[in-house]
Amino acid sequence: MAWVILIIAGLFEVLWAVAMKQSQGFTRLWPSLVTLVGMLISFALLSWSMRSLPLGTAYMIWTGIGAIGAFAVGIVFLGEAFTPLRLIAAILIVSGLALMKLASPA
């Protein structure tokens, strides 16, 4: 169950990162509020998952989901560049996440 909670926490990290971009430096009310609420939920879920998952594993997976998710949203919805080097970097991050999962206790 901790892994499911951790994945949800990572998805909320993507949400708050995208909302932060849309807040334009916290100058827009609704994206700013979504950012803050998303952060609270994400941190709370991360904290809950750390009850049974190792710190390094949980934190790496959480930040990795956020990084890859923000990367994907940036490309698909915000028109950011999709270059071979950026794709390779994303693949390396996902590979690291998979290895961390495999190396962690159930």
PDB file of N, CA and C in Angstrom:
ATOM      1  N   MET A   1       0.818  -1.200   0.000  1.00  0.00           N
ATOM      2  CA  MET A   1       0.000   0.000   0.000  1.00  0.00           C
ATOM      3  C   MET A   1       0.867   1.271   0.000  1.00  0.00           C
ATOM      4  N   ALA A   2       2.021   1.198   0.653  1.00  0.00           N
ATOM      5  CA  ALA A   2       2.901   2.369   0.712  1.00  0.00           C
ATOM      6  C   ALA A   2       3.355   2.789  -0.680  1.00  0.00           C
ATOM      7  N   TRP A   3       3.561   1.825  -1.575  1.00  0.00           N
ATOM      8  CA  TRP A   3       3.990   2.156  -2.939  1.00  0.00           C
ATOM      9  C   TRP A   3       2.889   2.896  -3.683  1.00  0.00           C
ATOM     10  N   VAL A   4       1.645   2.477  -3.501  1.00  0.00           N
ATOM     11  CA  VAL A   4       0.522   3.151  -4.160  1.00  0.00           C
ATOM     12  C   VAL A   4       0.415   4.585  -3.649  1.00  0.00           C
ATOM     13  N   ILE A   5       0.515   4.762  -2.351  1.00  0.00           N
ATOM     14  CA  ILE A   5       0.462   6.105  -1.755  1.00  0.00           C
ATOM     15  C   ILE A   5       1.619   6.953  -2.284  1.00  0.00           C
ATOM     16  N   LEU A   6       2.792   6.363  -2.409  1.00  0.00           N
ATOM     17  CA  LEU A   6       3.949   7.094  -2.917  1.00  0.00           C
ATOM     18  C   LEU A   6       3.734   7.541  -4.365  1.00  0.00           C
ATOM     19  N   ILE A   7       3.166   6.696  -5.177  1.00  0.00           N
ATOM     20  CA  ILE A   7       2.885   7.057  -6.570  1.00  0.00           C
ATOM     21  C   ILE A   7       1.879   8.205  -6.625  1.00  0.00           C
ATOM     22  N   ILE A   8       0.853   8.139  -5.793  1.00  0.00           N
ATOM     23  CA  ILE A   8      -0.134   9.223  -5.749  1.00  0.00           C
ATOM     24  C   ILE A   8       0.538  10.519  -5.290  1.00  0.00           C
ATOM     25  N   ALA A   9       1.427  10.418  -4.307  1.00  0.00           N
ATOM     26  CA  ALA A   9       2.174  11.591  -3.842  1.00  0.00           C
ATOM     27  C   ALA A   9       2.982  12.192  -4.991  1.00  0.00           C
ATOM     28  N   GLY A  10       3.594  11.338  -5.798  1.00  0.00           N
ATOM     29  CA  GLY A  10       4.357  11.806  -6.948  1.00  0.00           C
ATOM     30  C   GLY A  10       3.482  12.493  -7.976  1.00  0.00           C
ATOM     31  N   LEU A  11       2.274  11.990  -8.175  1.00  0.00           N
ATOM     32  CA  LEU A  11       1.352  12.626  -9.118  1.00  0.00           C
ATOM     33  C   LEU A  11       0.924  14.008  -8.610  1.00  0.00           C
ATOM     34  N   PHE A  12       0.737  14.124  -7.305  1.00  0.00           N
ATOM     35  CA  PHE A  12       0.432  15.441  -6.745  1.00  0.00           C
ATOM     36  C   PHE A  12       1.627  16.381  -6.873  1.00  0.00           C
ATOM     37  N   GLU A  13       2.833  15.828  -6.865  1.00  0.00           N
ATOM     38  CA  GLU A  13       4.014  16.671  -7.097  1.00  0.00           C
ATOM     39  C   GLU A  13       3.975  17.246  -8.507  1.00  0.00           C
ATOM     40  N   VAL A  14       3.584  16.427  -9.467  1.00  0.00           N
ATOM     41  CA  VAL A  14       3.450  16.919 -10.842  1.00  0.00           C
ATOM     42  C   VAL A  14       2.400  18.027 -10.886  1.00  0.00           C
ATOM     43  N   LEU A  15       1.279  17.797 -10.223  1.00  0.00           N
ATOM     44  CA  LEU A  15       0.201  18.791 -10.195  1.00  0.00           C
ATOM     45  C   LEU A  15       0.692  20.127  -9.657  1.00  0.00           C
ATOM     46  N   TRP A  16       1.376  20.089  -8.509  1.00  0.00           N
ATOM     47  CA  TRP A  16       1.787  21.381  -7.945  1.00  0.00           C
ATOM     48  C   TRP A  16       2.891  22.043  -8.763  1.00  0.00           C
ATOM     49  N   ALA A  17       3.732  21.252  -9.393  1.00  0.00           N
ATOM     50  CA  ALA A  17       4.781  21.848 -10.229  1.00  0.00           C
ATOM     51  C   ALA A  17       4.174  22.565 -11.436  1.00  0.00           C
ATOM     52  N   VAL A  18       3.205  21.927 -12.063  1.00  0.00           N
ATOM     53  CA  VAL A  18       2.542  22.539 -13.218  1.00  0.00           C
ATOM     54  C   VAL A  18       1.756  23.772 -12.774  1.00  0.00           C
ATOM     55  N   ALA A  19       1.050  23.652 -11.650  1.00  0.00           N
ATOM     56  CA  ALA A  19       0.293  24.804 -11.144  1.00  0.00           C
ATOM     57  C   ALA A  19       1.226  25.958 -10.791  1.00  0.00           C
ATOM     58  N   MET A  20       2.412  25.636 -10.252  1.00  0.00           N
ATOM     59  CA  MET A  20       3.364  26.699  -9.928  1.00  0.00           C
ATOM     60  C   MET A  20       3.785  27.439 -11.195  1.00  0.00           C
ATOM     61  N   LYS A  21       4.012  26.702 -12.269  1.00  0.00           N
ATOM     62  CA  LYS A  21       4.351  27.334 -13.547  1.00  0.00           C
ATOM     63  C   LYS A  21       3.218  28.256 -13.999  1.00  0.00           C
ATOM     64  N   GLN A  22       1.990  27.770 -13.854  1.00  0.00           N
ATOM     65  CA  GLN A  22       0.827  28.543 -14.280  1.00  0.00           C
ATOM     66  C   GLN A  22       0.547  29.742 -13.368  1.00  0.00           C
ATOM     67  N   SER A  23       1.067  29.707 -12.148  1.00  0.00           N
ATOM     68  CA  SER A  23       0.825  30.813 -11.206  1.00  0.00           C
ATOM     69  C   SER A  23       1.612  32.065 -11.570  1.00  0.00           C
ATOM     70  N   GLN A  24       2.577  31.919 -12.462  1.00  0.00           N
ATOM     71  CA  GLN A  24       3.423  33.028 -12.905  1.00  0.00           C
ATOM     72  C   GLN A  24       4.046  33.752 -11.707  1.00  0.00           C
ATOM     73  N   GLY A  25       4.783  32.962 -10.914  1.00  0.00           N
ATOM     74  CA  GLY A  25       5.468  33.539  -9.756  1.00  0.00           C
ATOM     75  C   GLY A  25       4.517  33.888  -8.629  1.00  0.00           C
ATOM     76  N   PHE A  26       3.474  33.111  -8.481  1.00  0.00           N
ATOM     77  CA  PHE A  26       2.456  33.319  -7.448  1.00  0.00           C
ATOM     78  C   PHE A  26       1.728  34.649  -7.600  1.00  0.00           C
ATOM     79  N   THR A  27       1.561  35.093  -8.846  1.00  0.00           N
ATOM     80  CA  THR A  27       0.818  36.325  -9.101  1.00  0.00           C
ATOM     81  C   THR A  27      -0.619  36.044  -9.531  1.00  0.00           C
ATOM     82  N   ARG A  28      -0.959  34.772  -9.765  1.00  0.00           N
ATOM     83  CA  ARG A  28      -2.325  34.381 -10.127  1.00  0.00           C
ATOM     84  C   ARG A  28      -2.893  33.534  -9.001  1.00  0.00           C
ATOM     85  N   LEU A  29      -4.084  33.897  -8.527  1.00  0.00           N
ATOM     86  CA  LEU A  29      -4.665  33.306  -7.315  1.00  0.00           C
ATOM     87  C   LEU A  29      -4.907  31.805  -7.417  1.00  0.00           C
ATOM     88  N   TRP A  30      -5.701  31.360  -8.381  1.00  0.00           N
ATOM     89  CA  TRP A  30      -6.113  29.953  -8.413  1.00  0.00           C
ATOM     90  C   TRP A  30      -4.947  28.986  -8.648  1.00  0.00           C
ATOM     91  N   PRO A  31      -4.079  29.244  -9.599  1.00  0.00           N
ATOM     92  CA  PRO A  31      -2.924  28.350  -9.718  1.00  0.00           C
ATOM     93  C   PRO A  31      -2.049  28.364  -8.456  1.00  0.00           C
ATOM     94  N   SER A  32      -1.959  29.500  -7.795  1.00  0.00           N
ATOM     95  CA  SER A  32      -1.182  29.577  -6.550  1.00  0.00           C
ATOM     96  C   SER A  32      -1.805  28.716  -5.468  1.00  0.00           C
ATOM     97  N   LEU A  33      -3.136  28.757  -5.361  1.00  0.00           N
ATOM     98  CA  LEU A  33      -3.827  27.928  -4.366  1.00  0.00           C
ATOM     99  C   LEU A  33      -3.687  26.441  -4.689  1.00  0.00           C
ATOM    100  N   VAL A  34      -3.815  26.101  -5.968  1.00  0.00           N
ATOM    101  CA  VAL A  34      -3.629  24.696  -6.379  1.00  0.00           C
ATOM    102  C   VAL A  34      -2.212  24.242  -6.034  1.00  0.00           C
ATOM    103  N   THR A  35      -1.239  25.105  -6.247  1.00  0.00           N
ATOM    104  CA  THR A  35       0.149  24.782  -5.902  1.00  0.00           C
ATOM    105  C   THR A  35       0.267  24.455  -4.418  1.00  0.00           C
ATOM    106  N   LEU A  36      -0.249  25.312  -3.572  1.00  0.00           N
ATOM    107  CA  LEU A  36      -0.114  25.123  -2.124  1.00  0.00           C
ATOM    108  C   LEU A  36      -0.859  23.885  -1.630  1.00  0.00           C
ATOM    109  N   VAL A  37      -2.074  23.685  -2.100  1.00  0.00           N
ATOM    110  CA  VAL A  37      -2.845  22.508  -1.689  1.00  0.00           C
ATOM    111  C   VAL A  37      -2.184  21.235  -2.224  1.00  0.00           C
ATOM    112  N   GLY A  38      -1.733  21.274  -3.470  1.00  0.00           N
ATOM    113  CA  GLY A  38      -1.041  20.117  -4.042  1.00  0.00           C
ATOM    114  C   GLY A  38       0.215  19.771  -3.278  1.00  0.00           C
ATOM    115  N   MET A  39       0.959  20.795  -2.857  1.00  0.00           N
ATOM    116  CA  MET A  39       2.163  20.565  -2.055  1.00  0.00           C
ATOM    117  C   MET A  39       1.821  19.890  -0.735  1.00  0.00           C
ATOM    118  N   LEU A  40       0.815  20.405  -0.060  1.00  0.00           N
ATOM    119  CA  LEU A  40       0.420  19.826   1.234  1.00  0.00           C
ATOM    120  C   LEU A  40       0.027  18.357   1.088  1.00  0.00           C
ATOM    121  N   ILE A  41      -0.779  18.068   0.086  1.00  0.00           N
ATOM    122  CA  ILE A  41      -1.210  16.684  -0.128  1.00  0.00           C
ATOM    123  C   ILE A  41      -0.020  15.809  -0.496  1.00  0.00           C
ATOM    124  N   SER A  42       0.812  16.290  -1.394  1.00  0.00           N
ATOM    125  CA  SER A  42       1.970  15.518  -1.835  1.00  0.00           C
ATOM    126  C   SER A  42       2.907  15.206  -0.672  1.00  0.00           C
ATOM    127  N   PHE A  43       3.214  16.226   0.133  1.00  0.00           N
ATOM    128  CA  PHE A  43       4.103  16.015   1.275  1.00  0.00           C
ATOM    129  C   PHE A  43       3.479  15.081   2.310  1.00  0.00           C
ATOM    130  N   ALA A  44       2.175  15.230   2.543  1.00  0.00           N
ATOM    131  CA  ALA A  44       1.503  14.366   3.513  1.00  0.00           C
ATOM    132  C   ALA A  44       1.544  12.909   3.061  1.00  0.00           C
ATOM    133  N   LEU A  45       1.282  12.669   1.790  1.00  0.00           N
ATOM    134  CA  LEU A  45       1.311  11.301   1.270  1.00  0.00           C
ATOM    135  C   LEU A  45       2.730  10.742   1.261  1.00  0.00           C
ATOM    136  N   LEU A  46       3.692  11.570   0.904  1.00  0.00           N
ATOM    137  CA  LEU A  46       5.089  11.134   0.958  1.00  0.00           C
ATOM    138  C   LEU A  46       5.452  10.736   2.380  1.00  0.00           C
ATOM    139  N   SER A  47       5.076  11.559   3.326  1.00  0.00           N
ATOM    140  CA  SER A  47       5.357  11.270   4.730  1.00  0.00           C
ATOM    141  C   SER A  47       4.722   9.949   5.159  1.00  0.00           C
ATOM    142  N   TRP A  48       3.488   9.734   4.729  1.00  0.00           N
ATOM    143  CA  TRP A  48       2.793   8.494   5.097  1.00  0.00           C
ATOM    144  C   TRP A  48       3.514   7.281   4.509  1.00  0.00           C
ATOM    145  N   SER A  49       3.947   7.395   3.259  1.00  0.00           N
ATOM    146  CA  SER A  49       4.626   6.251   2.629  1.00  0.00           C
ATOM    147  C   SER A  49       5.960   5.952   3.312  1.00  0.00           C
ATOM    148  N   MET A  50       6.594   6.982   3.872  1.00  0.00           N
ATOM    149  CA  MET A  50       7.889   6.789   4.540  1.00  0.00           C
ATOM    150  C   MET A  50       7.777   6.037   5.862  1.00  0.00           C
ATOM    151  N   ARG A  51       6.576   5.787   6.306  1.00  0.00           N
ATOM    152  CA  ARG A  51       6.408   4.969   7.516  1.00  0.00           C
ATOM    153  C   ARG A  51       6.955   3.567   7.301  1.00  0.00           C
ATOM    154  N   SER A  52       6.837   3.090   6.059  1.00  0.00           N
ATOM    155  CA  SER A  52       7.291   1.719   5.807  1.00  0.00           C
ATOM    156  C   SER A  52       8.334   1.610   4.692  1.00  0.00           C
ATOM    157  N   LEU A  53       8.564   2.666   3.946  1.00  0.00           N
ATOM    158  CA  LEU A  53       9.577   2.627   2.894  1.00  0.00           C
ATOM    159  C   LEU A  53      10.832   3.354   3.365  1.00  0.00           C
ATOM    160  N   PRO A  54      11.992   2.912   2.901  1.00  0.00           N
ATOM    161  CA  PRO A  54      13.229   3.615   3.260  1.00  0.00           C
ATOM    162  C   PRO A  54      13.220   5.046   2.734  1.00  0.00           C
ATOM    163  N   LEU A  55      13.817   5.944   3.480  1.00  0.00           N
ATOM    164  CA  LEU A  55      13.868   7.358   3.122  1.00  0.00           C
ATOM    165  C   LEU A  55      14.402   7.576   1.710  1.00  0.00           C
ATOM    166  N   GLY A  56      15.575   7.034   1.425  1.00  0.00           N
ATOM    167  CA  GLY A  56      16.205   7.258   0.126  1.00  0.00           C
ATOM    168  C   GLY A  56      15.355   6.762  -1.024  1.00  0.00           C
ATOM    169  N   THR A  57      14.760   5.603  -0.855  1.00  0.00           N
ATOM    170  CA  THR A  57      13.912   5.031  -1.898  1.00  0.00           C
ATOM    171  C   THR A  57      12.678   5.893  -2.117  1.00  0.00           C
ATOM    172  N   ALA A  58      11.976   6.200  -1.035  1.00  0.00           N
ATOM    173  CA  ALA A  58      10.739   6.974  -1.146  1.00  0.00           C
ATOM    174  C   ALA A  58      11.003   8.337  -1.778  1.00  0.00           C
ATOM    175  N   TYR A  59      12.039   9.008  -1.300  1.00  0.00           N
ATOM    176  CA  TYR A  59      12.313  10.345  -1.808  1.00  0.00           C
ATOM    177  C   TYR A  59      12.732  10.318  -3.272  1.00  0.00           C
ATOM    178  N   MET A  60      13.540   9.339  -3.642  1.00  0.00           N
ATOM    179  CA  MET A  60      13.987   9.247  -5.033  1.00  0.00           C
ATOM    180  C   MET A  60      12.813   8.949  -5.969  1.00  0.00           C
ATOM    181  N   ILE A  61      11.958   8.030  -5.583  1.00  0.00           N
ATOM    182  CA  ILE A  61      10.807   7.693  -6.419  1.00  0.00           C
ATOM    183  C   ILE A  61       9.879   8.900  -6.540  1.00  0.00           C
ATOM    184  N   TRP A  62       9.630   9.570  -5.418  1.00  0.00           N
ATOM    185  CA  TRP A  62       8.744  10.747  -5.397  1.00  0.00           C
ATOM    186  C   TRP A  62       9.264  11.845  -6.323  1.00  0.00           C
ATOM    187  N   THR A  63      10.548  12.179  -6.186  1.00  0.00           N
ATOM    188  CA  THR A  63      11.107  13.234  -7.034  1.00  0.00           C
ATOM    189  C   THR A  63      11.193  12.790  -8.495  1.00  0.00           C
ATOM    190  N   GLY A  64      11.447  11.506  -8.709  1.00  0.00           N
ATOM    191  CA  GLY A  64      11.518  10.989 -10.079  1.00  0.00           C
ATOM    192  C   GLY A  64      10.176  11.064 -10.785  1.00  0.00           C
ATOM    193  N   ILE A  65       9.106  10.692 -10.076  1.00  0.00           N
ATOM    194  CA  ILE A  65       7.768  10.799 -10.665  1.00  0.00           C
ATOM    195  C   ILE A  65       7.483  12.259 -11.000  1.00  0.00           C
ATOM    196  N   GLY A  66       7.840  13.140 -10.075  1.00  0.00           N
ATOM    197  CA  GLY A  66       7.627  14.566 -10.319  1.00  0.00           C
ATOM    198  C   GLY A  66       8.414  15.066 -11.510  1.00  0.00           C
ATOM    199  N   ALA A  67       9.657  14.650 -11.611  1.00  0.00           N
ATOM    200  CA  ALA A  67      10.508  15.109 -12.712  1.00  0.00           C
ATOM    201  C   ALA A  67      10.008  14.600 -14.059  1.00  0.00           C
ATOM    202  N   ILE A  68       9.731  13.317 -14.132  1.00  0.00           N
ATOM    203  CA  ILE A  68       9.262  12.740 -15.398  1.00  0.00           C
ATOM    204  C   ILE A  68       7.875  13.268 -15.748  1.00  0.00           C
ATOM    205  N   GLY A  69       7.022  13.390 -14.749  1.00  0.00           N
ATOM    206  CA  GLY A  69       5.675  13.915 -14.991  1.00  0.00           C
ATOM    207  C   GLY A  69       5.712  15.348 -15.490  1.00  0.00           C
ATOM    208  N   ALA A  70       6.524  16.178 -14.841  1.00  0.00           N
ATOM    209  CA  ALA A  70       6.639  17.575 -15.267  1.00  0.00           C
ATOM    210  C   ALA A  70       7.251  17.659 -16.664  1.00  0.00           C
ATOM    211  N   PHE A  71       8.212  16.807 -16.933  1.00  0.00           N
ATOM    212  CA  PHE A  71       8.830  16.733 -18.268  1.00  0.00           C
ATOM    213  C   PHE A  71       7.762  16.418 -19.324  1.00  0.00           C
ATOM    214  N   ALA A  72       6.936  15.416 -19.053  1.00  0.00           N
ATOM    215  CA  ALA A  72       5.903  15.004 -20.004  1.00  0.00           C
ATOM    216  C   ALA A  72       4.848  16.091 -20.188  1.00  0.00           C
ATOM    217  N   VAL A  73       4.388  16.687 -19.097  1.00  0.00           N
ATOM    218  CA  VAL A  73       3.388  17.751 -19.192  1.00  0.00           C
ATOM    219  C   VAL A  73       3.958  18.937 -19.967  1.00  0.00           C
ATOM    220  N   GLY A  74       5.210  19.262 -19.710  1.00  0.00           N
ATOM    221  CA  GLY A  74       5.841  20.364 -20.419  1.00  0.00           C
ATOM    222  C   GLY A  74       5.862  20.150 -21.920  1.00  0.00           C
ATOM    223  N   ILE A  75       6.151  18.931 -22.314  1.00  0.00           N
ATOM    224  CA  ILE A  75       6.204  18.624 -23.747  1.00  0.00           C
ATOM    225  C   ILE A  75       4.810  18.579 -24.359  1.00  0.00           C
ATOM    226  N   VAL A  76       3.910  17.838 -23.718  1.00  0.00           N
ATOM    227  CA  VAL A  76       2.585  17.597 -24.297  1.00  0.00           C
ATOM    228  C   VAL A  76       1.693  18.834 -24.257  1.00  0.00           C
ATOM    229  N   PHE A  77       1.722  19.569 -23.149  1.00  0.00           N
ATOM    230  CA  PHE A  77       0.763  20.665 -22.976  1.00  0.00           C
ATOM    231  C   PHE A  77       1.363  22.067 -23.054  1.00  0.00           C
ATOM    232  N   LEU A  78       2.655  22.198 -22.811  1.00  0.00           N
ATOM    233  CA  LEU A  78       3.238  23.530 -22.755  1.00  0.00           C
ATOM    234  C   LEU A  78       4.182  23.842 -23.913  1.00  0.00           C
ATOM    235  N   GLY A  79       4.306  22.909 -24.836  1.00  0.00           N
ATOM    236  CA  GLY A  79       5.099  23.156 -26.024  1.00  0.00           C
ATOM    237  C   GLY A  79       6.606  23.189 -25.793  1.00  0.00           C
ATOM    238  N   GLU A  80       7.074  22.539 -24.744  1.00  0.00           N
ATOM    239  CA  GLU A  80       8.511  22.509 -24.483  1.00  0.00           C
ATOM    240  C   GLU A  80       9.205  21.562 -25.464  1.00  0.00           C
ATOM    241  N   ALA A  81      10.494  21.755 -25.622  1.00  0.00           N
ATOM    242  CA  ALA A  81      11.268  20.993 -26.603  1.00  0.00           C
ATOM    243  C   ALA A  81      11.328  19.507 -26.268  1.00  0.00           C
ATOM    244  N   PHE A  82      11.199  18.711 -27.300  1.00  0.00           N
ATOM    245  CA  PHE A  82      11.362  17.258 -27.196  1.00  0.00           C
ATOM    246  C   PHE A  82      12.547  16.889 -28.072  1.00  0.00           C
ATOM    247  N   THR A  83      13.716  16.823 -27.446  1.00  0.00           N
ATOM    248  CA  THR A  83      14.945  16.553 -28.189  1.00  0.00           C
ATOM    249  C   THR A  83      15.490  15.186 -27.794  1.00  0.00           C
ATOM    250  N   PRO A  84      16.339  14.614 -28.625  1.00  0.00           N
ATOM    251  CA  PRO A  84      16.916  13.312 -28.292  1.00  0.00           C
ATOM    252  C   PRO A  84      17.657  13.312 -26.942  1.00  0.00           C
ATOM    253  N   LEU A  85      18.397  14.358 -26.652  1.00  0.00           N
ATOM    254  CA  LEU A  85      19.132  14.391 -25.378  1.00  0.00           C
ATOM    255  C   LEU A  85      18.197  14.472 -24.181  1.00  0.00           C
ATOM    256  N   ARG A  86      17.124  15.238 -24.304  1.00  0.00           N
ATOM    257  CA  ARG A  86      16.150  15.307 -23.201  1.00  0.00           C
ATOM    258  C   ARG A  86      15.468  13.950 -23.021  1.00  0.00           C
ATOM    259  N   LEU A  87      15.178  13.266 -24.119  1.00  0.00           N
ATOM    260  CA  LEU A  87      14.566  11.939 -24.042  1.00  0.00           C
ATOM    261  C   LEU A  87      15.514  10.955 -23.366  1.00  0.00           C
ATOM    262  N   ILE A  88      16.783  10.984 -23.723  1.00  0.00           N
ATOM    263  CA  ILE A  88      17.771  10.104 -23.089  1.00  0.00           C
ATOM    264  C   ILE A  88      17.859  10.388 -21.593  1.00  0.00           C
ATOM    265  N   ALA A  89      17.853  11.657 -21.222  1.00  0.00           N
ATOM    266  CA  ALA A  89      17.891  12.019 -19.804  1.00  0.00           C
ATOM    267  C   ALA A  89      16.678  11.453 -19.068  1.00  0.00           C
ATOM    268  N   ALA A  90      15.504  11.553 -19.680  1.00  0.00           N
ATOM    269  CA  ALA A  90      14.293  11.014 -19.062  1.00  0.00           C
ATOM    270  C   ALA A  90      14.370   9.494 -18.931  1.00  0.00           C
ATOM    271  N   ILE A  91      14.887   8.836 -19.950  1.00  0.00           N
ATOM    272  CA  ILE A  91      15.033   7.375 -19.900  1.00  0.00           C
ATOM    273  C   ILE A  91      15.992   6.977 -18.777  1.00  0.00           C
ATOM    274  N   LEU A  92      17.053   7.732 -18.604  1.00  0.00           N
ATOM    275  CA  LEU A  92      17.997   7.440 -17.514  1.00  0.00           C
ATOM    276  C   LEU A  92      17.340   7.613 -16.142  1.00  0.00           C
ATOM    277  N   ILE A  93      16.496   8.631 -16.007  1.00  0.00           N
ATOM    278  CA  ILE A  93      15.784   8.821 -14.742  1.00  0.00           C
ATOM    279  C   ILE A  93      14.856   7.645 -14.478  1.00  0.00           C
ATOM    280  N   VAL A  94      14.074   7.250 -15.478  1.00  0.00           N
ATOM    281  CA  VAL A  94      13.152   6.120 -15.313  1.00  0.00           C
ATOM    282  C   VAL A  94      13.924   4.841 -15.014  1.00  0.00           C
ATOM    283  N   SER A  95      15.063   4.650 -15.656  1.00  0.00           N
ATOM    284  CA  SER A  95      15.892   3.468 -15.382  1.00  0.00           C
ATOM    285  C   SER A  95      16.370   3.464 -13.937  1.00  0.00           C
ATOM    286  N   GLY A  96      16.794   4.610 -13.453  1.00  0.00           N
ATOM    287  CA  GLY A  96      17.213   4.719 -12.061  1.00  0.00           C
ATOM    288  C   GLY A  96      16.079   4.424 -11.100  1.00  0.00           C
ATOM    289  N   LEU A  97      14.885   4.891 -11.417  1.00  0.00           N
ATOM    290  CA  LEU A  97      13.722   4.618 -10.568  1.00  0.00           C
ATOM    291  C   LEU A  97      13.406   3.122 -10.537  1.00  0.00           C
ATOM    292  N   ALA A  98      13.461   2.495 -11.691  1.00  0.00           N
ATOM    293  CA  ALA A  98      13.188   1.055 -11.757  1.00  0.00           C
ATOM    294  C   ALA A  98      14.222   0.273 -10.957  1.00  0.00           C
ATOM    295  N   LEU A  99      15.470   0.639 -11.084  1.00  0.00           N
ATOM    296  CA  LEU A  99      16.520  -0.047 -10.314  1.00  0.00           C
ATOM    297  C   LEU A  99      16.340   0.162  -8.815  1.00  0.00           C
ATOM    298  N   MET A 100      15.966   1.366  -8.413  1.00  0.00           N
ATOM    299  CA  MET A 100      15.736   1.636  -6.996  1.00  0.00           C
ATOM    300  C   MET A 100      14.578   0.790  -6.475  1.00  0.00           C
ATOM    301  N   LYS A 101      13.527   0.682  -7.249  1.00  0.00           N
ATOM    302  CA  LYS A 101      12.373  -0.152  -6.853  1.00  0.00           C
ATOM    303  C   LYS A 101      12.801  -1.602  -6.711  1.00  0.00           C
ATOM    304  N   LEU A 102      13.552  -2.092  -7.668  1.00  0.00           N
ATOM    305  CA  LEU A 102      13.997  -3.494  -7.618  1.00  0.00           C
ATOM    306  C   LEU A 102      14.927  -3.762  -6.441  1.00  0.00           C
ATOM    307  N   ALA A 103      15.696  -2.754  -6.051  1.00  0.00           N
ATOM    308  CA  ALA A 103      16.661  -2.918  -4.977  1.00  0.00           C
ATOM    309  C   ALA A 103      16.073  -2.682  -3.595  1.00  0.00           C
ATOM    310  N   SER A 104      14.805  -2.290  -3.545  1.00  0.00           N
ATOM    311  CA  SER A 104      14.192  -1.961  -2.254  1.00  0.00           C
ATOM    312  C   SER A 104      13.365  -3.127  -1.729  1.00  0.00           C
ATOM    313  N   PRO A 105      13.269  -3.231  -0.405  1.00  0.00           N
ATOM    314  CA  PRO A 105      12.445  -4.290   0.170  1.00  0.00           C
ATOM    315  C   PRO A 105      10.962  -4.056  -0.152  1.00  0.00           C
ATOM    316  N   ALA A 106      10.231  -5.132  -0.237  1.00  0.00           N
ATOM    317  CA  ALA A 106       8.794  -5.047  -0.520  1.00  0.00           C
ATOM    318  C   ALA A 106       8.118  -4.340   0.618  1.00  0.00           C
TER     319      ALA A 106
END
